[in-house]
mmCIF file of all heavy atoms, coordinates in Angstrom:
data_MODEL
# 
_entry.id   MODEL 
# 
loop_
_atom_site.group_PDB 
_atom_site.id 
_atom_site.type_symbol 
_atom_site.label_atom_id 
_atom_site.label_alt_id 
_atom_site.label_comp_id 
_atom_site.label_asym_id 
_atom_site.label_entity_id 
_atom_site.label_seq_id 
_atom_site.pdbx_PDB_ins_code 
_atom_site.Cartn_x 
_atom_site.Cartn_y 
_atom_site.Cartn_z 
_atom_site.occupancy 
_atom_site.B_iso_or_equiv 
_atom_site.pdbx_formal_charge 
_atom_site.auth_seq_id 
_atom_site.auth_comp_id 
_atom_site.auth_asym_id 
_atom_site.auth_atom_id 
_atom_site.pdbx_PDB_model_num 
ATOM 1   N N   . LEU A 1 1  ? 13.542  -8.738  17.963  1.00 0.00 ? 1  LEU A N   1 
ATOM 2   C CA  . LEU A 1 1  ? 12.565  -9.344  17.064  1.00 0.00 ? 1  LEU A CA  1 
ATOM 3   C C   . LEU A 1 1  ? 12.032  -8.398  16.003  1.00 0.00 ? 1  LEU A C   1 
ATOM 4   O O   . LEU A 1 1  ? 11.387  -8.832  15.052  1.00 0.00 ? 1  LEU A O   1 
ATOM 5   C CB  . LEU A 1 1  ? 11.376  -9.887  17.882  1.00 0.00 ? 1  LEU A CB  1 
ATOM 6   C CG  . LEU A 1 1  ? 11.709  -10.924 18.961  1.00 0.00 ? 1  LEU A CG  1 
ATOM 7   C CD1 . LEU A 1 1  ? 10.446  -11.307 19.723  1.00 0.00 ? 1  LEU A CD1 1 
ATOM 8   C CD2 . LEU A 1 1  ? 12.336  -12.158 18.343  1.00 0.00 ? 1  LEU A CD2 1 
ATOM 9   N N   . ILE A 1 2  ? 12.295  -7.113  16.143  1.00 0.00 ? 2  ILE A N   1 
ATOM 10  C CA  . ILE A 1 2  ? 11.678  -6.115  15.276  1.00 0.00 ? 2  ILE A CA  1 
ATOM 11  C C   . ILE A 1 2  ? 12.140  -6.220  13.824  1.00 0.00 ? 2  ILE A C   1 
ATOM 12  O O   . ILE A 1 2  ? 11.457  -5.769  12.901  1.00 0.00 ? 2  ILE A O   1 
ATOM 13  C CB  . ILE A 1 2  ? 11.957  -4.682  15.816  1.00 0.00 ? 2  ILE A CB  1 
ATOM 14  C CG1 . ILE A 1 2  ? 10.969  -3.677  15.228  1.00 0.00 ? 2  ILE A CG1 1 
ATOM 15  C CG2 . ILE A 1 2  ? 13.399  -4.283  15.569  1.00 0.00 ? 2  ILE A CG2 1 
ATOM 16  C CD1 . ILE A 1 2  ? 9.572   -3.823  15.739  1.00 0.00 ? 2  ILE A CD1 1 
ATOM 17  N N   . GLU A 1 3  ? 13.291  -6.849  13.587  1.00 0.00 ? 3  GLU A N   1 
ATOM 18  C CA  . GLU A 1 3  ? 13.863  -6.889  12.240  1.00 0.00 ? 3  GLU A CA  1 
ATOM 19  C C   . GLU A 1 3  ? 13.457  -8.122  11.440  1.00 0.00 ? 3  GLU A C   1 
ATOM 20  O O   . GLU A 1 3  ? 14.082  -8.442  10.433  1.00 0.00 ? 3  GLU A O   1 
ATOM 21  C CB  . GLU A 1 3  ? 15.392  -6.814  12.315  1.00 0.00 ? 3  GLU A CB  1 
ATOM 22  C CG  . GLU A 1 3  ? 15.924  -5.516  12.910  1.00 0.00 ? 3  GLU A CG  1 
ATOM 23  C CD  . GLU A 1 3  ? 15.523  -4.293  12.087  1.00 0.00 ? 3  GLU A CD  1 
ATOM 24  O OE1 . GLU A 1 3  ? 15.544  -4.385  10.841  1.00 0.00 ? 3  GLU A OE1 1 
ATOM 25  O OE2 . GLU A 1 3  ? 15.186  -3.262  12.682  1.00 0.00 ? 3  GLU A OE2 1 
ATOM 26  N N   . HIS A 1 4  ? 12.423  -8.834  11.848  1.00 0.00 ? 4  HIS A N   1 
ATOM 27  C CA  . HIS A 1 4  ? 11.994  -10.033 11.125  1.00 0.00 ? 4  HIS A CA  1 
ATOM 28  C C   . HIS A 1 4  ? 11.520  -9.708  9.705   1.00 0.00 ? 4  HIS A C   1 
ATOM 29  O O   . HIS A 1 4  ? 10.905  -8.670  9.458   1.00 0.00 ? 4  HIS A O   1 
ATOM 30  C CB  . HIS A 1 4  ? 10.837  -10.714 11.859  1.00 0.00 ? 4  HIS A CB  1 
ATOM 31  C CG  . HIS A 1 4  ? 11.284  -11.602 12.986  1.00 0.00 ? 4  HIS A CG  1 
ATOM 32  N ND1 . HIS A 1 4  ? 12.440  -12.335 12.932  1.00 0.00 ? 4  HIS A ND1 1 
ATOM 33  C CD2 . HIS A 1 4  ? 10.705  -11.902 14.176  1.00 0.00 ? 4  HIS A CD2 1 
ATOM 34  C CE1 . HIS A 1 4  ? 12.561  -13.038 14.046  1.00 0.00 ? 4  HIS A CE1 1 
ATOM 35  N NE2 . HIS A 1 4  ? 11.528  -12.790 14.818  1.00 0.00 ? 4  HIS A NE2 1 
ATOM 36  N N   . ASP A 1 5  ? 11.789  -10.651 8.777   1.00 0.00 ? 5  ASP A N   1 
ATOM 37  C CA  . ASP A 1 5  ? 11.213  -10.555 7.437   1.00 0.00 ? 5  ASP A CA  1 
ATOM 38  C C   . ASP A 1 5  ? 9.709   -10.811 7.510   1.00 0.00 ? 5  ASP A C   1 
ATOM 39  O O   . ASP A 1 5  ? 9.212   -11.417 8.467   1.00 0.00 ? 5  ASP A O   1 
ATOM 40  C CB  . ASP A 1 5  ? 11.865  -11.579 6.508   1.00 0.00 ? 5  ASP A CB  1 
ATOM 41  C CG  . ASP A 1 5  ? 13.342  -11.309 6.277   1.00 0.00 ? 5  ASP A CG  1 
ATOM 42  O OD1 . ASP A 1 5  ? 13.768  -10.147 6.430   1.00 0.00 ? 5  ASP A OD1 1 
ATOM 43  O OD2 . ASP A 1 5  ? 14.072  -12.264 5.944   1.00 0.00 ? 5  ASP A OD2 1 
ATOM 44  N N   . LYS A 1 6  ? 8.994   -10.375 6.449   1.00 0.00 ? 6  LYS A N   1 
ATOM 45  C CA  . LYS A 1 6  ? 7.533   -10.473 6.449   1.00 0.00 ? 6  LYS A CA  1 
ATOM 46  C C   . LYS A 1 6  ? 7.010   -10.918 5.091   1.00 0.00 ? 6  LYS A C   1 
ATOM 47  O O   . LYS A 1 6  ? 7.687   -10.745 4.073   1.00 0.00 ? 6  LYS A O   1 
ATOM 48  C CB  . LYS A 1 6  ? 6.917   -9.129  6.846   1.00 0.00 ? 6  LYS A CB  1 
ATOM 49  C CG  . LYS A 1 6  ? 7.334   -8.669  8.250   1.00 0.00 ? 6  LYS A CG  1 
ATOM 50  C CD  . LYS A 1 6  ? 6.845   -7.274  8.548   1.00 0.00 ? 6  LYS A CD  1 
ATOM 51  C CE  . LYS A 1 6  ? 7.216   -6.877  9.980   1.00 0.00 ? 6  LYS A CE  1 
ATOM 52  N NZ  . LYS A 1 6  ? 8.661   -6.674  10.140  1.00 0.00 ? 6  LYS A NZ  1 
ATOM 53  N N   . ILE A 1 7  ? 5.793   -11.474 5.083   1.00 0.00 ? 7  ILE A N   1 
ATOM 54  C CA  . ILE A 1 7  ? 5.098   -11.839 3.853   1.00 0.00 ? 7  ILE A CA  1 
ATOM 55  C C   . ILE A 1 7  ? 3.726   -11.174 3.866   1.00 0.00 ? 7  ILE A C   1 
ATOM 56  O O   . ILE A 1 7  ? 3.015   -11.224 4.873   1.00 0.00 ? 7  ILE A O   1 
ATOM 57  C CB  . ILE A 1 7  ? 4.939   -13.364 3.707   1.00 0.00 ? 7  ILE A CB  1 
ATOM 58  C CG1 . ILE A 1 7  ? 6.307   -14.051 3.664   1.00 0.00 ? 7  ILE A CG1 1 
ATOM 59  C CG2 . ILE A 1 7  ? 4.142   -13.700 2.443   1.00 0.00 ? 7  ILE A CG2 1 
ATOM 60  C CD1 . ILE A 1 7  ? 6.230   -15.566 3.615   1.00 0.00 ? 7  ILE A CD1 1 
ATOM 61  N N   . TYR A 1 8  ? 3.362   -10.552 2.744   1.00 0.00 ? 8  TYR A N   1 
ATOM 62  C CA  . TYR A 1 8  ? 2.079   -9.862  2.609   1.00 0.00 ? 8  TYR A CA  1 
ATOM 63  C C   . TYR A 1 8  ? 1.318   -10.368 1.385   1.00 0.00 ? 8  TYR A C   1 
ATOM 64  O O   . TYR A 1 8  ? 1.930   -10.759 0.376   1.00 0.00 ? 8  TYR A O   1 
ATOM 65  C CB  . TYR A 1 8  ? 2.284   -8.355  2.433   1.00 0.00 ? 8  TYR A CB  1 
ATOM 66  C CG  . TYR A 1 8  ? 2.897   -7.647  3.611   1.00 0.00 ? 8  TYR A CG  1 
ATOM 67  C CD1 . TYR A 1 8  ? 4.278   -7.459  3.685   1.00 0.00 ? 8  TYR A CD1 1 
ATOM 68  C CD2 . TYR A 1 8  ? 2.105   -7.135  4.629   1.00 0.00 ? 8  TYR A CD2 1 
ATOM 69  C CE1 . TYR A 1 8  ? 4.844   -6.783  4.755   1.00 0.00 ? 8  TYR A CE1 1 
ATOM 70  C CE2 . TYR A 1 8  ? 2.664   -6.455  5.706   1.00 0.00 ? 8  TYR A CE2 1 
ATOM 71  C CZ  . TYR A 1 8  ? 4.033   -6.294  5.759   1.00 0.00 ? 8  TYR A CZ  1 
ATOM 72  O OH  . TYR A 1 8  ? 4.599   -5.626  6.830   1.00 0.00 ? 8  TYR A OH  1 
ATOM 73  N N   . LEU A 1 9  ? 0.003   -10.314 1.473   1.00 0.00 ? 9  LEU A N   1 
ATOM 74  C CA  . LEU A 1 9  ? -0.872  -10.459 0.319   1.00 0.00 ? 9  LEU A CA  1 
ATOM 75  C C   . LEU A 1 9  ? -1.316  -9.055  -0.072  1.00 0.00 ? 9  LEU A C   1 
ATOM 76  O O   . LEU A 1 9  ? -1.910  -8.338  0.748   1.00 0.00 ? 9  LEU A O   1 
ATOM 77  C CB  . LEU A 1 9  ? -2.075  -11.331 0.664   1.00 0.00 ? 9  LEU A CB  1 
ATOM 78  C CG  . LEU A 1 9  ? -3.144  -11.496 -0.417  1.00 0.00 ? 9  LEU A CG  1 
ATOM 79  C CD1 . LEU A 1 9  ? -2.567  -12.176 -1.655  1.00 0.00 ? 9  LEU A CD1 1 
ATOM 80  C CD2 . LEU A 1 9  ? -4.335  -12.273 0.120   1.00 0.00 ? 9  LEU A CD2 1 
ATOM 81  N N   . VAL A 1 10 ? -1.027  -8.654  -1.305  1.00 0.00 ? 10 VAL A N   1 
ATOM 82  C CA  . VAL A 1 10 ? -1.181  -7.267  -1.730  1.00 0.00 ? 10 VAL A CA  1 
ATOM 83  C C   . VAL A 1 10 ? -2.197  -7.164  -2.872  1.00 0.00 ? 10 VAL A C   1 
ATOM 84  O O   . VAL A 1 10 ? -2.198  -7.990  -3.785  1.00 0.00 ? 10 VAL A O   1 
ATOM 85  C CB  . VAL A 1 10 ? 0.169   -6.694  -2.230  1.00 0.00 ? 10 VAL A CB  1 
ATOM 86  C CG1 . VAL A 1 10 ? 0.033   -5.217  -2.587  1.00 0.00 ? 10 VAL A CG1 1 
ATOM 87  C CG2 . VAL A 1 10 ? 1.259   -6.915  -1.193  1.00 0.00 ? 10 VAL A CG2 1 
ATOM 88  N N   . GLU A 1 11 ? -3.038  -6.126  -2.810  1.00 0.00 ? 11 GLU A N   1 
ATOM 89  C CA  . GLU A 1 11 ? -3.897  -5.774  -3.944  1.00 0.00 ? 11 GLU A CA  1 
ATOM 90  C C   . GLU A 1 11 ? -3.681  -4.303  -4.277  1.00 0.00 ? 11 GLU A C   1 
ATOM 91  O O   . GLU A 1 11 ? -3.561  -3.466  -3.375  1.00 0.00 ? 11 GLU A O   1 
ATOM 92  C CB  . GLU A 1 11 ? -5.377  -6.007  -3.612  1.00 0.00 ? 11 GLU A CB  1 
ATOM 93  C CG  . GLU A 1 11 ? -5.753  -7.474  -3.487  1.00 0.00 ? 11 GLU A CG  1 
ATOM 94  C CD  . GLU A 1 11 ? -7.237  -7.668  -3.242  1.00 0.00 ? 11 GLU A CD  1 
ATOM 95  O OE1 . GLU A 1 11 ? -8.009  -6.677  -3.391  1.00 0.00 ? 11 GLU A OE1 1 
ATOM 96  O OE2 . GLU A 1 11 ? -7.642  -8.781  -2.897  1.00 0.00 ? 11 GLU A OE2 1 
ATOM 97  N N   . MET A 1 12 ? -3.637  -3.999  -5.572  1.00 0.00 ? 12 MET A N   1 
ATOM 98  C CA  . MET A 1 12 ? -3.423  -2.621  -6.012  1.00 0.00 ? 12 MET A CA  1 
ATOM 99  C C   . MET A 1 12 ? -4.212  -2.354  -7.292  1.00 0.00 ? 12 MET A C   1 
ATOM 100 O O   . MET A 1 12 ? -4.633  -3.273  -7.984  1.00 0.00 ? 12 MET A O   1 
ATOM 101 C CB  . MET A 1 12 ? -1.934  -2.359  -6.256  1.00 0.00 ? 12 MET A CB  1 
ATOM 102 C CG  . MET A 1 12 ? -1.339  -3.203  -7.375  1.00 0.00 ? 12 MET A CG  1 
ATOM 103 S SD  . MET A 1 12 ? 0.355   -2.724  -7.822  1.00 0.00 ? 12 MET A SD  1 
ATOM 104 C CE  . MET A 1 12 ? 0.058   -1.186  -8.706  1.00 0.00 ? 12 MET A CE  1 
ATOM 105 N N   . LYS A 1 13 ? -4.405  -1.062  -7.589  1.00 0.00 ? 13 LYS A N   1 
ATOM 106 C CA  . LYS A 1 13 ? -5.005  -0.627  -8.849  1.00 0.00 ? 13 LYS A CA  1 
ATOM 107 C C   . LYS A 1 13 ? -4.039  0.317   -9.554  1.00 0.00 ? 13 LYS A C   1 
ATOM 108 O O   . LYS A 1 13 ? -3.365  1.135   -8.913  1.00 0.00 ? 13 LYS A O   1 
ATOM 109 C CB  . LYS A 1 13 ? -6.333  0.105   -8.612  1.00 0.00 ? 13 LYS A CB  1 
ATOM 110 C CG  . LYS A 1 13 ? -7.509  -0.787  -8.289  1.00 0.00 ? 13 LYS A CG  1 
ATOM 111 C CD  . LYS A 1 13 ? -8.765  0.077   -8.143  1.00 0.00 ? 13 LYS A CD  1 
ATOM 112 C CE  . LYS A 1 13 ? -9.976  -0.767  -7.786  1.00 0.00 ? 13 LYS A CE  1 
ATOM 113 N NZ  . LYS A 1 13 ? -11.191 0.083   -7.628  1.00 0.00 ? 13 LYS A NZ  1 
ATOM 114 N N   . PHE A 1 14 ? -4.011  0.197   -10.873 1.00 0.00 ? 14 PHE A N   1 
ATOM 115 C CA  . PHE A 1 14 ? -3.205  1.099   -11.683 1.00 0.00 ? 14 PHE A CA  1 
ATOM 116 C C   . PHE A 1 14 ? -4.014  2.333   -12.088 1.00 0.00 ? 14 PHE A C   1 
ATOM 117 O O   . PHE A 1 14 ? -5.237  2.292   -12.192 1.00 0.00 ? 14 PHE A O   1 
ATOM 118 C CB  . PHE A 1 14 ? -2.726  0.380   -12.946 1.00 0.00 ? 14 PHE A CB  1 
ATOM 119 C CG  . PHE A 1 14 ? -1.685  -0.671  -12.692 1.00 0.00 ? 14 PHE A CG  1 
ATOM 120 C CD1 . PHE A 1 14 ? -2.028  -2.019  -12.657 1.00 0.00 ? 14 PHE A CD1 1 
ATOM 121 C CD2 . PHE A 1 14 ? -0.364  -0.319  -12.485 1.00 0.00 ? 14 PHE A CD2 1 
ATOM 122 C CE1 . PHE A 1 14 ? -1.076  -2.994  -12.431 1.00 0.00 ? 14 PHE A CE1 1 
ATOM 123 C CE2 . PHE A 1 14 ? 0.607   -1.285  -12.252 1.00 0.00 ? 14 PHE A CE2 1 
ATOM 124 C CZ  . PHE A 1 14 ? 0.247   -2.626  -12.219 1.00 0.00 ? 14 PHE A CZ  1 
ATOM 125 N N   . GLY A 1 15 ? -3.284  3.423   -12.325 1.00 0.00 ? 15 GLY A N   1 
ATOM 126 C CA  . GLY A 1 15 ? -3.908  4.606   -12.892 1.00 0.00 ? 15 GLY A CA  1 
ATOM 127 C C   . GLY A 1 15 ? -4.428  5.620   -11.905 1.00 0.00 ? 15 GLY A C   1 
ATOM 128 O O   . GLY A 1 15 ? -5.071  6.596   -12.294 1.00 0.00 ? 15 GLY A O   1 
ATOM 129 N N   . TYR A 1 16 ? -4.143  5.421   -10.621 1.00 0.00 ? 16 TYR A N   1 
ATOM 130 C CA  . TYR A 1 16 ? -4.579  6.366   -9.592  1.00 0.00 ? 16 TYR A CA  1 
ATOM 131 C C   . TYR A 1 16 ? -3.372  6.812   -8.759  1.00 0.00 ? 16 TYR A C   1 
ATOM 132 O O   . TYR A 1 16 ? -2.504  6.006   -8.411  1.00 0.00 ? 16 TYR A O   1 
ATOM 133 C CB  . TYR A 1 16 ? -5.588  5.732   -8.645  1.00 0.00 ? 16 TYR A CB  1 
ATOM 134 C CG  . TYR A 1 16 ? -6.916  5.365   -9.261  1.00 0.00 ? 16 TYR A CG  1 
ATOM 135 C CD1 . TYR A 1 16 ? -7.115  4.100   -9.801  1.00 0.00 ? 16 TYR A CD1 1 
ATOM 136 C CD2 . TYR A 1 16 ? -7.967  6.278   -9.289  1.00 0.00 ? 16 TYR A CD2 1 
ATOM 137 C CE1 . TYR A 1 16 ? -8.331  3.750   -10.366 1.00 0.00 ? 16 TYR A CE1 1 
ATOM 138 C CE2 . TYR A 1 16 ? -9.193  5.938   -9.848  1.00 0.00 ? 16 TYR A CE2 1 
ATOM 139 C CZ  . TYR A 1 16 ? -9.368  4.665   -10.387 1.00 0.00 ? 16 TYR A CZ  1 
ATOM 140 O OH  . TYR A 1 16 ? -10.577 4.323   -10.952 1.00 0.00 ? 16 TYR A OH  1 
ATOM 141 N N   . LEU A 1 17 ? -3.346  8.087   -8.406  1.00 0.00 ? 17 LEU A N   1 
ATOM 142 C CA  . LEU A 1 17 ? -2.365  8.619   -7.460  1.00 0.00 ? 17 LEU A CA  1 
ATOM 143 C C   . LEU A 1 17 ? -3.115  9.301   -6.327  1.00 0.00 ? 17 LEU A C   1 
ATOM 144 O O   . LEU A 1 17 ? -3.940  10.187  -6.563  1.00 0.00 ? 17 LEU A O   1 
ATOM 145 C CB  . LEU A 1 17 ? -1.433  9.626   -8.141  1.00 0.00 ? 17 LEU A CB  1 
ATOM 146 C CG  . LEU A 1 17 ? -0.464  10.369  -7.219  1.00 0.00 ? 17 LEU A CG  1 
ATOM 147 C CD1 . LEU A 1 17 ? 0.547   9.401   -6.599  1.00 0.00 ? 17 LEU A CD1 1 
ATOM 148 C CD2 . LEU A 1 17 ? 0.257   11.483  -7.969  1.00 0.00 ? 17 LEU A CD2 1 
ATOM 149 N N   . THR A 1 18 ? -2.859  8.892   -5.085  1.00 0.00 ? 18 THR A N   1 
ATOM 150 C CA  . THR A 1 18 ? -3.451  9.545   -3.919  1.00 0.00 ? 18 THR A CA  1 
ATOM 151 C C   . THR A 1 18 ? -2.347  10.041  -2.997  1.00 0.00 ? 18 THR A C   1 
ATOM 152 O O   . THR A 1 18 ? -1.199  9.595   -3.089  1.00 0.00 ? 18 THR A O   1 
ATOM 153 C CB  . THR A 1 18 ? -4.369  8.591   -3.127  1.00 0.00 ? 18 THR A CB  1 
ATOM 154 O OG1 . THR A 1 18 ? -3.559  7.555   -2.521  1.00 0.00 ? 18 THR A OG1 1 
ATOM 155 C CG2 . THR A 1 18 ? -5.412  7.948   -4.028  1.00 0.00 ? 18 THR A CG2 1 
ATOM 156 N N   . ASP A 1 19 ? -2.691  10.934  -2.099  1.00 0.00 ? 19 ASP A N   1 
ATOM 157 C CA  . ASP A 1 19 ? -1.675  11.489  -1.195  1.00 0.00 ? 19 ASP A CA  1 
ATOM 158 C C   . ASP A 1 19 ? -1.139  10.448  -0.224  1.00 0.00 ? 19 ASP A C   1 
ATOM 159 O O   . ASP A 1 19 ? 0.003   10.535  0.222   1.00 0.00 ? 19 ASP A O   1 
ATOM 160 C CB  . ASP A 1 19 ? -2.226  12.703  -0.442  1.00 0.00 ? 19 ASP A CB  1 
ATOM 161 C CG  . ASP A 1 19 ? -3.511  12.417  0.303   1.00 0.00 ? 19 ASP A CG  1 
ATOM 162 O OD1 . ASP A 1 19 ? -4.061  11.305  0.174   1.00 0.00 ? 19 ASP A OD1 1 
ATOM 163 O OD2 . ASP A 1 19 ? -3.995  13.321  1.025   1.00 0.00 ? 19 ASP A OD2 1 
ATOM 164 N N   . THR A 1 20 ? -1.927  9.435   0.098   1.00 0.00 ? 20 THR A N   1 
ATOM 165 C CA  . THR A 1 20 ? -1.501  8.400   1.047   1.00 0.00 ? 20 THR A CA  1 
ATOM 166 C C   . THR A 1 20 ? -0.960  7.147   0.358   1.00 0.00 ? 20 THR A C   1 
ATOM 167 O O   . THR A 1 20 ? -0.507  6.222   1.024   1.00 0.00 ? 20 THR A O   1 
ATOM 168 C CB  . THR A 1 20 ? -2.673  7.982   1.948   1.00 0.00 ? 20 THR A CB  1 
ATOM 169 O OG1 . THR A 1 20 ? -3.750  7.520   1.117   1.00 0.00 ? 20 THR A OG1 1 
ATOM 170 C CG2 . THR A 1 20 ? -3.151  9.138   2.801   1.00 0.00 ? 20 THR A CG2 1 
ATOM 171 N N   . LEU A 1 21 ? -1.025  7.111   -0.968  1.00 0.00 ? 21 LEU A N   1 
ATOM 172 C CA  . LEU A 1 21 ? -0.623  5.957   -1.782  1.00 0.00 ? 21 LEU A CA  1 
ATOM 173 C C   . LEU A 1 21 ? -1.528  4.740   -1.581  1.00 0.00 ? 21 LEU A C   1 
ATOM 174 O O   . LEU A 1 21 ? -1.181  3.634   -1.973  1.00 0.00 ? 21 LEU A O   1 
ATOM 175 C CB  . LEU A 1 21 ? 0.842   5.557   -1.534  1.00 0.00 ? 21 LEU A CB  1 
ATOM 176 C CG  . LEU A 1 21 ? 1.901   6.629   -1.802  1.00 0.00 ? 21 LEU A CG  1 
ATOM 177 C CD1 . LEU A 1 21 ? 3.294   6.080   -1.576  1.00 0.00 ? 21 LEU A CD1 1 
ATOM 178 C CD2 . LEU A 1 21 ? 1.776   7.179   -3.224  1.00 0.00 ? 21 LEU A CD2 1 
ATOM 179 N N   . ASP A 1 22 ? -2.692  4.944   -0.945  1.00 0.00 ? 22 ASP A N   1 
ATOM 180 C CA  . ASP A 1 22 ? -3.688  3.885   -0.861  1.00 0.00 ? 22 ASP A CA  1 
ATOM 181 C C   . ASP A 1 22 ? -5.033  4.443   -1.299  1.00 0.00 ? 22 ASP A C   1 
ATOM 182 O O   . ASP A 1 22 ? -5.199  5.650   -1.474  1.00 0.00 ? 22 ASP A O   1 
ATOM 183 C CB  . ASP A 1 22 ? -3.749  3.256   0.541   1.00 0.00 ? 22 ASP A CB  1 
ATOM 184 C CG  . ASP A 1 22 ? -4.128  4.254   1.617   1.00 0.00 ? 22 ASP A CG  1 
ATOM 185 O OD1 . ASP A 1 22 ? -5.089  5.031   1.419   1.00 0.00 ? 22 ASP A OD1 1 
ATOM 186 O OD2 . ASP A 1 22 ? -3.469  4.277   2.681   1.00 0.00 ? 22 ASP A OD2 1 
ATOM 187 N N   . ILE A 1 23 ? -6.006  3.560   -1.467  1.00 0.00 ? 23 ILE A N   1 
ATOM 188 C CA  . ILE A 1 23 ? -7.288  3.935   -2.043  1.00 0.00 ? 23 ILE A CA  1 
ATOM 189 C C   . ILE A 1 23 ? -8.101  4.836   -1.121  1.00 0.00 ? 23 ILE A C   1 
ATOM 190 O O   . ILE A 1 23 ? -9.062  5.489   -1.560  1.00 0.00 ? 23 ILE A O   1 
ATOM 191 C CB  . ILE A 1 23 ? -8.104  2.672   -2.423  1.00 0.00 ? 23 ILE A CB  1 
ATOM 192 C CG1 . ILE A 1 23 ? -9.201  2.994   -3.434  1.00 0.00 ? 23 ILE A CG1 1 
ATOM 193 C CG2 . ILE A 1 23 ? -8.646  1.999   -1.175  1.00 0.00 ? 23 ILE A CG2 1 
ATOM 194 C CD1 . ILE A 1 23 ? -8.686  3.485   -4.753  1.00 0.00 ? 23 ILE A CD1 1 
ATOM 195 N N   . GLU A 1 24 ? -7.722  4.922   0.162   1.00 0.00 ? 24 GLU A N   1 
ATOM 196 C CA  . GLU A 1 24 ? -8.467  5.733   1.113   1.00 0.00 ? 24 GLU A CA  1 
ATOM 197 C C   . GLU A 1 24 ? -8.031  7.194   1.111   1.00 0.00 ? 24 GLU A C   1 
ATOM 198 O O   . GLU A 1 24 ? -8.651  8.029   1.757   1.00 0.00 ? 24 GLU A O   1 
ATOM 199 C CB  . GLU A 1 24 ? -8.338  5.145   2.521   1.00 0.00 ? 24 GLU A CB  1 
ATOM 200 C CG  . GLU A 1 24 ? -8.971  3.761   2.655   1.00 0.00 ? 24 GLU A CG  1 
ATOM 201 C CD  . GLU A 1 24 ? -8.895  3.217   4.067   1.00 0.00 ? 24 GLU A CD  1 
ATOM 202 O OE1 . GLU A 1 24 ? -8.135  3.784   4.878   1.00 0.00 ? 24 GLU A OE1 1 
ATOM 203 O OE2 . GLU A 1 24 ? -9.599  2.231   4.358   1.00 0.00 ? 24 GLU A OE2 1 
ATOM 204 N N   . GLY A 1 25 ? -6.957  7.500   0.388   1.00 0.00 ? 25 GLY A N   1 
ATOM 205 C CA  . GLY A 1 25 ? -6.455  8.869   0.373   1.00 0.00 ? 25 GLY A CA  1 
ATOM 206 C C   . GLY A 1 25 ? -7.166  9.755   -0.629  1.00 0.00 ? 25 GLY A C   1 
ATOM 207 O O   . GLY A 1 25 ? -8.056  9.322   -1.384  1.00 0.00 ? 25 GLY A O   1 
ATOM 208 N N   . GLU A 1 26 ? -6.777  11.009  -0.647  1.00 0.00 ? 26 GLU A N   1 
ATOM 209 C CA  . GLU A 1 26 ? -7.340  11.984  -1.592  1.00 0.00 ? 26 GLU A CA  1 
ATOM 210 C C   . GLU A 1 26 ? -6.733  11.745  -2.970  1.00 0.00 ? 26 GLU A C   1 
ATOM 211 O O   . GLU A 1 26 ? -5.500  11.683  -3.123  1.00 0.00 ? 26 GLU A O   1 
ATOM 212 C CB  . GLU A 1 26 ? -7.015  13.398  -1.128  1.00 0.00 ? 26 GLU A CB  1 
ATOM 213 C CG  . GLU A 1 26 ? -7.488  14.483  -2.073  1.00 0.00 ? 26 GLU A CG  1 
ATOM 214 C CD  . GLU A 1 26 ? -7.013  15.863  -1.661  1.00 0.00 ? 26 GLU A CD  1 
ATOM 215 O OE1 . GLU A 1 26 ? -6.462  16.007  -0.542  1.00 0.00 ? 26 GLU A OE1 1 
ATOM 216 O OE2 . GLU A 1 26 ? -7.181  16.812  -2.477  1.00 0.00 ? 26 GLU A OE2 1 
ATOM 217 N N   . ILE A 1 27 ? -7.585  11.591  -3.985  1.00 0.00 ? 27 ILE A N   1 
ATOM 218 C CA  . ILE A 1 27 ? -7.100  11.374  -5.350  1.00 0.00 ? 27 ILE A CA  1 
ATOM 219 C C   . ILE A 1 27 ? -6.489  12.661  -5.895  1.00 0.00 ? 27 ILE A C   1 
ATOM 220 O O   . ILE A 1 27 ? -7.144  13.701  -5.954  1.00 0.00 ? 27 ILE A O   1 
ATOM 221 C CB  . ILE A 1 27 ? -8.233  10.878  -6.274  1.00 0.00 ? 27 ILE A CB  1 
ATOM 222 C CG1 . ILE A 1 27 ? -8.722  9.500   -5.809  1.00 0.00 ? 27 ILE A CG1 1 
ATOM 223 C CG2 . ILE A 1 27 ? -7.742  10.799  -7.721  1.00 0.00 ? 27 ILE A CG2 1 
ATOM 224 C CD1 . ILE A 1 27 ? -9.876  8.958   -6.625  1.00 0.00 ? 27 ILE A CD1 1 
# 
């Protein structure tokens, strides 16, 4: 079952780079 396809609802912001690639990481 591990190889199932998935659907996500995604939110992102442009113009920022963090070490974790999410808003909680170090800018």
